[in-house]
Protein backbone atom coordinates (compact mmCIF):
# COMPACT_ATOMS: atom_id res chain seq x y z
CA MET A 1 138.90 -32.35 27.34
CA ILE A 2 139.55 -33.54 23.80
CA CYS A 3 137.08 -32.68 21.05
CA SER A 4 136.99 -34.01 17.51
CA GLY A 5 137.47 -31.64 14.63
CA LYS A 6 137.84 -32.19 10.91
CA THR A 7 138.19 -35.61 9.26
CA ILE A 8 140.01 -35.74 5.91
CA LYS A 9 139.88 -38.86 3.74
CA SER A 10 143.01 -40.27 2.13
CA GLY A 11 143.98 -38.41 -1.05
CA GLN A 12 142.28 -35.14 -0.10
CA PRO A 13 144.32 -31.95 0.41
CA GLY A 14 146.09 -32.10 3.77
CA THR A 15 146.89 -35.81 3.62
CA LYS A 16 149.87 -35.75 1.22
CA LYS A 17 152.48 -36.26 3.98
CA TRP A 18 150.53 -39.20 5.45
CA VAL A 19 149.83 -40.82 2.06
CA ALA A 20 153.59 -40.70 1.41
CA GLN A 21 154.21 -42.46 4.74
CA TYR A 22 151.35 -45.01 4.82
CA GLY A 23 150.33 -45.32 1.15
CA GLU A 24 147.23 -47.40 0.41
CA LYS A 25 146.89 -48.31 4.11
CA LEU A 26 145.83 -44.74 5.03
CA VAL A 27 142.08 -44.37 5.58
CA CYS A 28 141.83 -40.82 6.94
CA VAL A 29 143.47 -38.06 9.01
CA ARG A 30 141.59 -36.58 11.96
CA TYR A 31 142.18 -33.34 13.79
CA LYS A 32 141.37 -33.25 17.50
CA TYR A 33 141.66 -30.40 19.97
CA ASP A 34 142.78 -30.66 23.60
CA PHE A 35 141.38 -27.57 25.29
CA LEU A 36 143.05 -28.22 28.64
CA ARG A 37 146.58 -28.43 27.21
CA LYS A 38 145.79 -26.05 24.30
CA MET A 39 147.10 -28.54 21.76
CA LYS A 40 145.98 -29.54 18.27
CA LEU A 41 146.33 -33.29 17.68
CA LYS A 42 146.51 -35.14 14.35
CA THR A 43 145.57 -38.80 14.27
CA VAL A 44 145.70 -41.18 11.34
CA GLU A 45 143.53 -44.20 10.74
CA ILE A 46 145.37 -46.96 8.92
CA ILE A 47 144.52 -50.48 7.80
CA VAL A 48 146.64 -52.96 9.74
CA GLU A 49 145.08 -56.24 8.62
CA GLU A 50 142.90 -57.50 5.80
CA GLU A 51 141.16 -60.86 5.58
CA PRO A 52 138.33 -62.32 3.49
CA TRP A 53 134.85 -61.86 4.91
CA ASP A 54 131.34 -62.66 3.74
CA ILE A 55 127.96 -61.58 5.10
CA ASP A 56 126.23 -64.18 7.26
CA ARG A 57 122.69 -63.83 5.91
CA ASP A 58 121.24 -66.14 8.61
CA ARG A 59 122.45 -63.93 11.49
CA ILE A 60 119.81 -61.74 13.15
CA PRO A 61 121.20 -58.23 13.83
CA ALA A 62 121.47 -57.28 17.51
CA ASN A 63 119.23 -54.21 17.04
CA LYS A 64 116.41 -56.06 15.24
CA LEU A 65 113.15 -56.42 17.12
CA VAL A 66 111.64 -59.89 17.11
CA GLY A 67 108.32 -61.20 18.38
CA VAL A 68 108.44 -63.63 21.28
CA LYS A 69 105.68 -65.96 22.52
CA VAL A 70 105.91 -67.24 26.07
CA LYS A 71 103.46 -69.94 27.06
CA TYR A 72 101.60 -69.91 30.32
CA GLY A 73 103.69 -71.55 33.02
CA GLU A 74 107.09 -70.65 31.51
CA ILE A 75 107.91 -68.45 34.48
CA HIS A 76 111.68 -68.21 34.06
CA THR A 77 111.39 -67.42 30.33
CA GLY A 78 108.70 -64.80 31.03
CA LYS A 79 110.92 -63.09 33.59
CA MET A 80 113.81 -62.97 31.12
CA VAL A 81 111.57 -61.48 28.41
CA ARG A 82 110.19 -58.85 30.79
CA ALA A 83 113.72 -57.99 31.96
CA ALA A 84 114.77 -57.47 28.32
CA GLY A 85 111.87 -55.02 27.93
CA GLU A 86 112.98 -52.81 30.82
CA ASP A 87 114.27 -49.35 29.99
CA GLY A 88 117.30 -49.48 32.30
CA THR A 89 115.61 -47.70 35.21
CA GLY A 90 114.02 -50.88 36.54
CA LYS A 91 110.65 -49.85 35.15
CA GLU A 92 109.02 -51.56 32.20
CA ASN A 93 108.62 -49.58 29.01
CA SER A 94 105.37 -47.64 29.01
CA GLY A 95 103.31 -49.70 26.59
CA ASN A 96 105.66 -49.04 23.68
CA SER A 97 107.64 -52.21 24.24
CA PRO A 98 107.73 -54.61 21.30
CA ILE A 99 108.36 -57.41 23.79
CA ALA A 100 105.43 -59.84 23.91
CA ARG A 101 103.96 -60.48 27.35
CA PRO A 102 103.01 -64.00 28.46
CA SER A 103 99.35 -64.78 28.02
CA PRO A 104 97.45 -67.22 30.20
CA TRP A 105 95.33 -68.09 27.13
CA ALA A 106 98.26 -69.07 24.85
């Protein structure tokens, strides 16, 4: 079993050896502990590629809740919406679901 320990950012005490080796590419040094083998592990996080990137302001984040209206008679769509509102156990969320339910009066 490996557990995470301390994380040291580049330039902090304890990273001198790794800064000398990786320079500006070094992000941090992590200490991990393997209790089964009784070993202390050091890992380094380095930057291997850089490319231009800009925020897509039109993209809806995956964790954002959105309202959904399903018209009466849209059976397949209603089933998909209800399935998205399940909590993983096959049961629907207990009234706390932000997922809109189809209404016969819509």
